[in-house]
N, C-alpha and C. Protein backbone atom coordinates (compact mmCIF):
# COMPACT_ATOMS: atom_id res chain seq x y z
N MET A 1 -27.50 11.93 21.21
CA MET A 1 -26.16 12.35 20.88
C MET A 1 -26.14 13.00 19.49
N VAL A 2 -26.86 12.41 18.56
CA VAL A 2 -26.92 12.98 17.21
C VAL A 2 -27.59 14.35 17.24
N SER A 3 -28.65 14.46 18.02
CA SER A 3 -29.36 15.73 18.13
C SER A 3 -28.44 16.82 18.68
N ARG A 4 -27.67 16.48 19.70
CA ARG A 4 -26.72 17.44 20.30
C ARG A 4 -25.66 17.83 19.27
N PHE A 5 -25.15 16.84 18.53
CA PHE A 5 -24.14 17.14 17.51
C PHE A 5 -24.70 18.11 16.48
N GLU A 6 -25.92 17.87 16.04
CA GLU A 6 -26.51 18.73 15.03
C GLU A 6 -26.72 20.16 15.53
N ARG A 7 -26.94 20.30 16.84
CA ARG A 7 -27.05 21.66 17.41
C ARG A 7 -25.67 22.34 17.45
N VAL A 8 -24.65 21.57 17.78
CA VAL A 8 -23.30 22.12 17.87
C VAL A 8 -22.72 22.34 16.48
N PHE A 9 -22.86 21.34 15.63
CA PHE A 9 -22.30 21.43 14.28
C PHE A 9 -23.39 21.93 13.34
N ASP A 10 -23.70 23.20 13.49
CA ASP A 10 -24.80 23.83 12.79
C ASP A 10 -24.39 24.31 11.39
N ALA A 11 -25.25 25.06 10.76
CA ALA A 11 -24.99 25.55 9.40
C ALA A 11 -23.71 26.39 9.33
N ALA A 12 -23.45 27.19 10.35
CA ALA A 12 -22.23 28.01 10.36
C ALA A 12 -20.99 27.12 10.43
N ALA A 13 -21.05 26.07 11.23
CA ALA A 13 -19.93 25.13 11.33
C ALA A 13 -19.72 24.40 10.01
N ARG A 14 -20.81 24.00 9.39
CA ARG A 14 -20.71 23.32 8.09
C ARG A 14 -20.10 24.25 7.04
N ALA A 15 -20.47 25.52 7.09
CA ALA A 15 -19.90 26.50 6.16
C ALA A 15 -18.41 26.69 6.43
N ALA A 16 -18.03 26.76 7.69
CA ALA A 16 -16.61 26.90 8.05
C ALA A 16 -15.82 25.69 7.59
N ALA A 17 -16.39 24.51 7.73
CA ALA A 17 -15.72 23.28 7.27
C ALA A 17 -15.52 23.35 5.75
N SER A 18 -16.56 23.74 5.06
CA SER A 18 -16.50 23.84 3.60
C SER A 18 -15.44 24.84 3.16
N GLU A 19 -15.36 25.97 3.85
CA GLU A 19 -14.35 26.99 3.54
C GLU A 19 -12.94 26.45 3.71
N ARG A 20 -12.75 25.53 4.65
CA ARG A 20 -11.45 24.91 4.89
C ARG A 20 -11.21 23.73 3.96
N GLY A 21 -12.22 23.38 3.16
CA GLY A 21 -12.08 22.24 2.27
C GLY A 21 -12.19 20.90 2.98
N LEU A 22 -12.90 20.90 4.12
CA LEU A 22 -13.04 19.69 4.92
C LEU A 22 -14.49 19.21 4.93
N SER A 23 -14.65 17.91 4.85
CA SER A 23 -15.98 17.33 5.01
C SER A 23 -16.32 17.28 6.50
N VAL A 24 -17.58 17.06 6.80
CA VAL A 24 -17.98 16.92 8.21
C VAL A 24 -17.22 15.77 8.84
N ARG A 25 -17.11 14.65 8.15
CA ARG A 25 -16.38 13.49 8.69
C ARG A 25 -14.92 13.84 8.98
N GLU A 26 -14.29 14.58 8.08
CA GLU A 26 -12.90 14.97 8.29
C GLU A 26 -12.76 15.88 9.52
N VAL A 27 -13.67 16.83 9.67
CA VAL A 27 -13.64 17.71 10.84
C VAL A 27 -13.80 16.90 12.12
N VAL A 28 -14.78 16.02 12.14
CA VAL A 28 -15.04 15.21 13.34
C VAL A 28 -13.85 14.30 13.64
N THR A 29 -13.29 13.69 12.61
CA THR A 29 -12.13 12.81 12.81
C THR A 29 -10.95 13.60 13.37
N LEU A 30 -10.64 14.73 12.75
CA LEU A 30 -9.53 15.55 13.22
C LEU A 30 -9.80 16.08 14.63
N ALA A 31 -11.02 16.51 14.89
CA ALA A 31 -11.38 17.00 16.23
C ALA A 31 -11.25 15.89 17.27
N SER A 32 -11.49 14.65 16.88
CA SER A 32 -11.34 13.54 17.84
C SER A 32 -9.87 13.38 18.24
N LEU A 33 -8.96 13.64 17.31
CA LEU A 33 -7.52 13.57 17.63
C LEU A 33 -7.16 14.69 18.61
N VAL A 34 -7.66 15.87 18.33
CA VAL A 34 -7.43 17.02 19.22
C VAL A 34 -7.99 16.72 20.60
N GLU A 35 -9.18 16.17 20.65
CA GLU A 35 -9.85 15.84 21.91
C GLU A 35 -9.00 14.90 22.77
N LYS A 36 -8.41 13.89 22.12
CA LYS A 36 -7.62 12.91 22.86
C LYS A 36 -6.20 13.39 23.14
N GLU A 37 -5.73 14.34 22.36
CA GLU A 37 -4.33 14.78 22.49
C GLU A 37 -4.13 15.73 23.66
N THR A 38 -5.09 16.60 23.93
CA THR A 38 -4.90 17.56 25.02
C THR A 38 -6.20 17.82 25.76
N ALA A 39 -6.07 17.95 27.06
CA ALA A 39 -7.22 18.31 27.89
C ALA A 39 -7.23 19.80 28.18
N LYS A 40 -6.20 20.49 27.72
CA LYS A 40 -6.08 21.93 27.96
C LYS A 40 -6.85 22.70 26.88
N PRO A 41 -7.94 23.35 27.27
CA PRO A 41 -8.74 24.08 26.27
C PRO A 41 -7.93 25.08 25.46
N GLU A 42 -7.00 25.76 26.11
CA GLU A 42 -6.23 26.79 25.41
C GLU A 42 -5.26 26.20 24.38
N GLU A 43 -4.96 24.91 24.47
CA GLU A 43 -4.05 24.28 23.52
C GLU A 43 -4.75 23.71 22.28
N ARG A 44 -6.04 23.52 22.37
CA ARG A 44 -6.75 22.84 21.28
C ARG A 44 -6.57 23.52 19.92
N PRO A 45 -6.71 24.84 19.80
CA PRO A 45 -6.52 25.46 18.48
C PRO A 45 -5.08 25.29 17.95
N THR A 46 -4.11 25.23 18.85
CA THR A 46 -2.72 25.06 18.41
C THR A 46 -2.48 23.62 17.98
N VAL A 47 -3.00 22.65 18.73
CA VAL A 47 -2.87 21.25 18.34
C VAL A 47 -3.56 21.03 16.99
N ALA A 48 -4.75 21.60 16.82
CA ALA A 48 -5.45 21.48 15.54
C ALA A 48 -4.61 22.08 14.42
N ALA A 49 -3.99 23.22 14.68
CA ALA A 49 -3.15 23.87 13.66
C ALA A 49 -1.97 22.99 13.28
N VAL A 50 -1.34 22.34 14.26
CA VAL A 50 -0.22 21.45 13.96
C VAL A 50 -0.68 20.35 13.01
N TYR A 51 -1.79 19.70 13.33
CA TYR A 51 -2.28 18.62 12.47
C TYR A 51 -2.67 19.14 11.09
N LEU A 52 -3.33 20.28 11.01
CA LEU A 52 -3.68 20.86 9.72
C LEU A 52 -2.44 21.24 8.92
N ASN A 53 -1.42 21.79 9.60
CA ASN A 53 -0.16 22.13 8.93
C ASN A 53 0.51 20.87 8.36
N ARG A 54 0.48 19.79 9.15
CA ARG A 54 1.07 18.54 8.68
C ARG A 54 0.30 17.99 7.47
N LEU A 55 -1.02 18.01 7.55
CA LEU A 55 -1.82 17.53 6.42
C LEU A 55 -1.53 18.34 5.16
N LYS A 56 -1.39 19.65 5.33
CA LYS A 56 -1.16 20.55 4.19
C LYS A 56 0.12 20.21 3.43
N ILE A 57 1.15 19.74 4.16
CA ILE A 57 2.42 19.44 3.49
C ILE A 57 2.62 17.95 3.25
N GLY A 58 1.61 17.15 3.56
CA GLY A 58 1.72 15.71 3.33
C GLY A 58 2.53 14.97 4.37
N MET A 59 2.73 15.58 5.50
CA MET A 59 3.48 14.96 6.59
C MET A 59 2.55 14.05 7.39
N GLY A 60 3.06 12.95 7.89
CA GLY A 60 2.26 12.08 8.73
C GLY A 60 1.81 12.80 9.99
N LEU A 61 0.63 12.46 10.47
CA LEU A 61 0.11 13.12 11.68
C LEU A 61 0.85 12.67 12.93
N GLN A 62 1.32 11.44 12.97
CA GLN A 62 2.10 10.92 14.10
C GLN A 62 1.44 11.25 15.43
N CYS A 63 0.20 10.84 15.54
CA CYS A 63 -0.63 11.13 16.71
C CYS A 63 -0.69 9.91 17.62
N ASP A 64 -0.08 10.00 18.79
CA ASP A 64 -0.05 8.87 19.73
C ASP A 64 -1.44 8.32 20.04
N PRO A 65 -2.46 9.16 20.27
CA PRO A 65 -3.78 8.59 20.58
C PRO A 65 -4.35 7.69 19.49
N THR A 66 -3.92 7.87 18.22
CA THR A 66 -4.42 6.98 17.18
C THR A 66 -3.82 5.58 17.34
N VAL A 67 -2.58 5.53 17.76
CA VAL A 67 -1.93 4.23 17.99
C VAL A 67 -2.58 3.55 19.19
N ILE A 68 -2.81 4.31 20.24
CA ILE A 68 -3.48 3.76 21.43
C ILE A 68 -4.85 3.22 21.05
N TYR A 69 -5.60 3.96 20.24
CA TYR A 69 -6.92 3.52 19.80
C TYR A 69 -6.82 2.20 19.03
N ALA A 70 -5.86 2.13 18.09
CA ALA A 70 -5.68 0.91 17.30
C ALA A 70 -5.33 -0.27 18.20
N LEU A 71 -4.44 -0.05 19.14
CA LEU A 71 -4.04 -1.13 20.06
C LEU A 71 -5.20 -1.55 20.94
N GLN A 72 -5.98 -0.59 21.40
CA GLN A 72 -7.16 -0.92 22.22
C GLN A 72 -8.16 -1.75 21.42
N LYS A 73 -8.40 -1.36 20.16
CA LYS A 73 -9.33 -2.11 19.31
C LYS A 73 -8.87 -3.56 19.15
N ALA A 74 -7.56 -3.77 19.14
CA ALA A 74 -6.99 -5.11 18.96
C ALA A 74 -6.80 -5.83 20.30
N GLY A 75 -7.13 -5.16 21.42
CA GLY A 75 -6.94 -5.76 22.73
C GLY A 75 -5.48 -5.90 23.12
N ARG A 76 -4.63 -5.01 22.57
CA ARG A 76 -3.19 -5.11 22.81
C ARG A 76 -2.59 -3.93 23.57
N TYR A 77 -3.41 -2.99 23.99
CA TYR A 77 -2.86 -1.83 24.70
C TYR A 77 -2.63 -2.18 26.16
N THR A 78 -1.41 -1.93 26.62
CA THR A 78 -1.02 -2.28 28.00
C THR A 78 -1.04 -1.09 28.93
N GLY A 79 -1.36 0.09 28.41
CA GLY A 79 -1.30 1.29 29.23
C GLY A 79 0.00 2.05 29.06
N ASN A 80 0.91 1.47 28.29
CA ASN A 80 2.21 2.09 28.05
C ASN A 80 2.50 2.00 26.56
N LEU A 81 2.70 3.12 25.92
CA LEU A 81 2.98 3.15 24.48
C LEU A 81 4.49 3.00 24.27
N THR A 82 4.87 2.02 23.47
CA THR A 82 6.30 1.76 23.22
C THR A 82 6.67 2.13 21.79
N ARG A 83 7.96 2.20 21.54
CA ARG A 83 8.44 2.48 20.19
C ARG A 83 7.97 1.39 19.22
N ALA A 84 7.94 0.15 19.66
CA ALA A 84 7.49 -0.95 18.82
C ALA A 84 6.01 -0.78 18.45
N ASP A 85 5.22 -0.21 19.35
CA ASP A 85 3.80 0.01 19.06
C ASP A 85 3.58 0.92 17.86
N MET A 86 4.53 1.79 17.60
CA MET A 86 4.38 2.74 16.49
C MET A 86 4.34 2.05 15.13
N ALA A 87 4.77 0.79 15.08
CA ALA A 87 4.75 0.04 13.82
C ALA A 87 3.52 -0.87 13.72
N PHE A 88 2.65 -0.84 14.72
CA PHE A 88 1.46 -1.69 14.71
C PHE A 88 0.64 -1.42 13.45
N ASP A 89 0.30 -2.50 12.74
CA ASP A 89 -0.40 -2.34 11.47
C ASP A 89 -1.89 -2.16 11.66
N SER A 90 -2.33 -0.92 11.50
CA SER A 90 -3.74 -0.56 11.58
C SER A 90 -3.94 0.71 10.76
N PRO A 91 -5.06 0.82 10.05
CA PRO A 91 -5.31 2.06 9.31
C PRO A 91 -5.45 3.27 10.24
N TYR A 92 -5.65 3.01 11.54
CA TYR A 92 -5.74 4.11 12.50
C TYR A 92 -4.35 4.59 12.97
N ASN A 93 -3.32 3.85 12.65
CA ASN A 93 -1.98 4.21 13.10
C ASN A 93 -1.41 5.30 12.20
N THR A 94 -1.43 6.53 12.70
CA THR A 94 -0.99 7.68 11.90
C THR A 94 0.53 7.85 11.90
N TYR A 95 1.24 6.94 12.52
CA TYR A 95 2.69 6.87 12.34
C TYR A 95 2.99 6.04 11.10
N LYS A 96 2.17 5.05 10.86
CA LYS A 96 2.38 4.12 9.75
C LYS A 96 1.71 4.59 8.46
N TYR A 97 0.55 5.23 8.59
CA TYR A 97 -0.22 5.66 7.42
C TYR A 97 -0.46 7.16 7.46
N ALA A 98 -0.17 7.81 6.33
CA ALA A 98 -0.32 9.27 6.24
C ALA A 98 -1.80 9.64 6.14
N GLY A 99 -2.09 10.88 6.43
CA GLY A 99 -3.45 11.39 6.33
C GLY A 99 -4.26 11.07 7.57
N LEU A 100 -5.53 11.38 7.47
CA LEU A 100 -6.44 11.13 8.60
C LEU A 100 -6.71 9.63 8.73
N PRO A 101 -6.98 9.17 9.93
CA PRO A 101 -7.42 7.77 10.08
C PRO A 101 -8.80 7.62 9.44
N PRO A 102 -9.30 6.39 9.30
CA PRO A 102 -10.57 6.18 8.61
C PRO A 102 -11.79 6.79 9.28
N GLY A 103 -11.68 7.14 10.54
CA GLY A 103 -12.80 7.75 11.25
C GLY A 103 -12.36 8.25 12.60
N PRO A 104 -13.28 8.82 13.35
CA PRO A 104 -12.95 9.37 14.67
C PRO A 104 -12.47 8.29 15.64
N ILE A 105 -11.65 8.71 16.59
CA ILE A 105 -11.17 7.80 17.63
C ILE A 105 -11.84 8.11 18.97
N ALA A 106 -12.70 9.11 18.98
CA ALA A 106 -13.42 9.53 20.19
C ALA A 106 -14.54 10.46 19.75
N ALA A 107 -15.42 10.78 20.68
CA ALA A 107 -16.47 11.76 20.41
C ALA A 107 -15.95 13.14 20.82
N PRO A 108 -15.62 13.99 19.85
CA PRO A 108 -15.07 15.29 20.19
C PRO A 108 -16.12 16.24 20.75
N GLY A 109 -15.70 17.07 21.68
CA GLY A 109 -16.56 18.11 22.21
C GLY A 109 -16.56 19.34 21.33
N ARG A 110 -17.40 20.28 21.71
CA ARG A 110 -17.54 21.53 20.95
C ARG A 110 -16.19 22.24 20.80
N ALA A 111 -15.40 22.30 21.88
CA ALA A 111 -14.12 23.03 21.82
C ALA A 111 -13.17 22.43 20.80
N SER A 112 -13.14 21.12 20.70
CA SER A 112 -12.24 20.47 19.73
C SER A 112 -12.75 20.68 18.31
N LEU A 113 -14.06 20.62 18.12
CA LEU A 113 -14.63 20.90 16.80
C LEU A 113 -14.31 22.33 16.38
N GLU A 114 -14.51 23.26 17.29
CA GLU A 114 -14.23 24.67 16.99
C GLU A 114 -12.74 24.90 16.72
N ALA A 115 -11.88 24.16 17.43
CA ALA A 115 -10.44 24.30 17.22
C ALA A 115 -10.05 23.91 15.79
N VAL A 116 -10.69 22.88 15.27
CA VAL A 116 -10.40 22.46 13.89
C VAL A 116 -10.95 23.49 12.90
N LEU A 117 -12.10 24.04 13.19
CA LEU A 117 -12.70 25.03 12.28
C LEU A 117 -12.02 26.39 12.38
N ARG A 118 -11.46 26.70 13.54
CA ARG A 118 -10.78 27.98 13.76
C ARG A 118 -9.44 27.73 14.47
N PRO A 119 -8.50 27.09 13.75
CA PRO A 119 -7.21 26.78 14.38
C PRO A 119 -6.38 28.05 14.62
N ALA A 120 -5.41 27.90 15.49
CA ALA A 120 -4.48 29.00 15.73
C ALA A 120 -3.71 29.28 14.44
N GLU A 121 -3.31 30.50 14.28
CA GLU A 121 -2.50 30.86 13.10
C GLU A 121 -1.03 30.77 13.50
N VAL A 122 -0.53 29.54 13.44
CA VAL A 122 0.87 29.26 13.81
C VAL A 122 1.48 28.36 12.75
N ASP A 123 2.81 28.35 12.71
CA ASP A 123 3.49 27.49 11.75
C ASP A 123 4.17 26.30 12.42
N TYR A 124 3.70 25.91 13.58
CA TYR A 124 4.25 24.76 14.28
C TYR A 124 3.96 23.47 13.53
N LEU A 125 4.92 22.54 13.61
CA LEU A 125 4.74 21.20 13.05
C LEU A 125 4.88 20.11 14.11
N TYR A 126 5.32 20.48 15.31
CA TYR A 126 5.62 19.49 16.33
C TYR A 126 5.15 19.94 17.70
N PHE A 127 4.91 18.96 18.57
CA PHE A 127 4.69 19.25 19.98
C PHE A 127 5.02 18.01 20.80
N VAL A 128 5.34 18.27 22.05
CA VAL A 128 5.68 17.18 22.97
C VAL A 128 5.12 17.53 24.35
N SER A 129 4.76 16.51 25.07
CA SER A 129 4.19 16.71 26.41
C SER A 129 5.23 17.25 27.37
N ARG A 130 4.79 18.15 28.24
CA ARG A 130 5.65 18.66 29.31
C ARG A 130 5.50 17.79 30.57
N ASN A 131 4.67 16.76 30.50
CA ASN A 131 4.41 15.85 31.62
C ASN A 131 3.61 16.50 32.73
N ASP A 132 2.91 17.58 32.41
CA ASP A 132 2.04 18.22 33.40
C ASP A 132 0.65 18.46 32.79
N GLY A 133 0.39 17.79 31.66
CA GLY A 133 -0.88 17.97 30.96
C GLY A 133 -0.81 19.00 29.85
N SER A 134 0.31 19.71 29.76
CA SER A 134 0.46 20.72 28.71
C SER A 134 1.53 20.26 27.72
N HIS A 135 1.67 21.02 26.64
CA HIS A 135 2.62 20.69 25.59
C HIS A 135 3.48 21.89 25.26
N VAL A 136 4.64 21.61 24.68
CA VAL A 136 5.50 22.65 24.15
C VAL A 136 5.54 22.43 22.63
N PHE A 137 5.45 23.51 21.86
CA PHE A 137 5.32 23.44 20.41
C PHE A 137 6.60 23.93 19.74
N SER A 138 6.90 23.33 18.57
CA SER A 138 8.12 23.67 17.84
C SER A 138 7.83 23.80 16.35
N ARG A 139 8.64 24.62 15.71
CA ARG A 139 8.51 24.81 14.27
C ARG A 139 9.38 23.83 13.49
N THR A 140 10.57 23.54 14.00
CA THR A 140 11.50 22.68 13.28
C THR A 140 11.74 21.38 14.03
N TYR A 141 12.22 20.39 13.27
CA TYR A 141 12.52 19.09 13.88
C TYR A 141 13.64 19.22 14.90
N ALA A 142 14.62 20.07 14.62
CA ALA A 142 15.74 20.27 15.57
C ALA A 142 15.22 20.84 16.89
N GLU A 143 14.33 21.84 16.82
CA GLU A 143 13.73 22.39 18.05
C GLU A 143 12.94 21.31 18.78
N HIS A 144 12.20 20.53 18.02
CA HIS A 144 11.39 19.46 18.62
C HIS A 144 12.27 18.44 19.34
N GLN A 145 13.35 18.02 18.69
CA GLN A 145 14.25 17.04 19.31
C GLN A 145 14.84 17.57 20.63
N ALA A 146 15.16 18.85 20.66
CA ALA A 146 15.67 19.45 21.90
C ALA A 146 14.60 19.40 22.99
N LYS A 147 13.36 19.68 22.63
CA LYS A 147 12.25 19.64 23.61
C LYS A 147 11.96 18.21 24.05
N VAL A 148 12.07 17.25 23.14
CA VAL A 148 11.89 15.84 23.51
C VAL A 148 12.95 15.45 24.54
N ARG A 149 14.20 15.84 24.28
CA ARG A 149 15.27 15.54 25.25
C ARG A 149 14.96 16.17 26.61
N GLU A 150 14.54 17.43 26.59
CA GLU A 150 14.26 18.15 27.83
C GLU A 150 13.08 17.56 28.60
N PHE A 151 11.98 17.30 27.89
CA PHE A 151 10.75 16.91 28.60
C PHE A 151 10.48 15.42 28.64
N GLN A 152 11.19 14.63 27.85
CA GLN A 152 10.96 13.19 27.88
C GLN A 152 12.19 12.43 28.37
N VAL A 153 13.33 12.69 27.77
CA VAL A 153 14.53 11.93 28.11
C VAL A 153 15.09 12.39 29.46
N GLU A 154 15.43 13.66 29.57
CA GLU A 154 16.03 14.18 30.80
C GLU A 154 15.03 14.18 31.96
N TYR A 155 13.79 14.43 31.68
CA TYR A 155 12.74 14.49 32.70
C TYR A 155 12.64 13.18 33.47
N PHE A 156 12.83 12.07 32.76
CA PHE A 156 12.65 10.76 33.38
C PHE A 156 13.93 10.13 33.88
N LYS A 157 15.05 10.83 33.76
CA LYS A 157 16.31 10.29 34.29
C LYS A 157 16.31 10.36 35.81
N PRO A 158 16.82 9.32 36.45
CA PRO A 158 16.86 9.31 37.93
C PRO A 158 17.79 10.35 38.51
């Protein structure tokens, strides 16, 4: 696994990380969030951009997969993420603690690593699941709240 990583994360990748002001650990950690957040290859650079945009302004990452990871590590994940779970005390909980978690939450693939090194050039700060494996992205909190209502609240109403 290490050998494969070293082939993928080569000198060019290390240079790209350095140009972005990121350590290898930071790239891998951020790429692990991207890896767990979306299975859609075309969304990875945009998801990476959202997280990088949030980091740039000091905004919490608020990444659901980090909470799931923390709950799993504690043996408390039930398969359903609740509002109460967002307050679970763990350094991996990016709702509770700003910045990157202490380390990766998964082994990111090449596409997620590349997404962090070459993110989309967008000013999005938010995204929400469309419940079909894809996400809708927003620039403002007001836009995001409207999309949450559309794809989470209204979507699940009987």
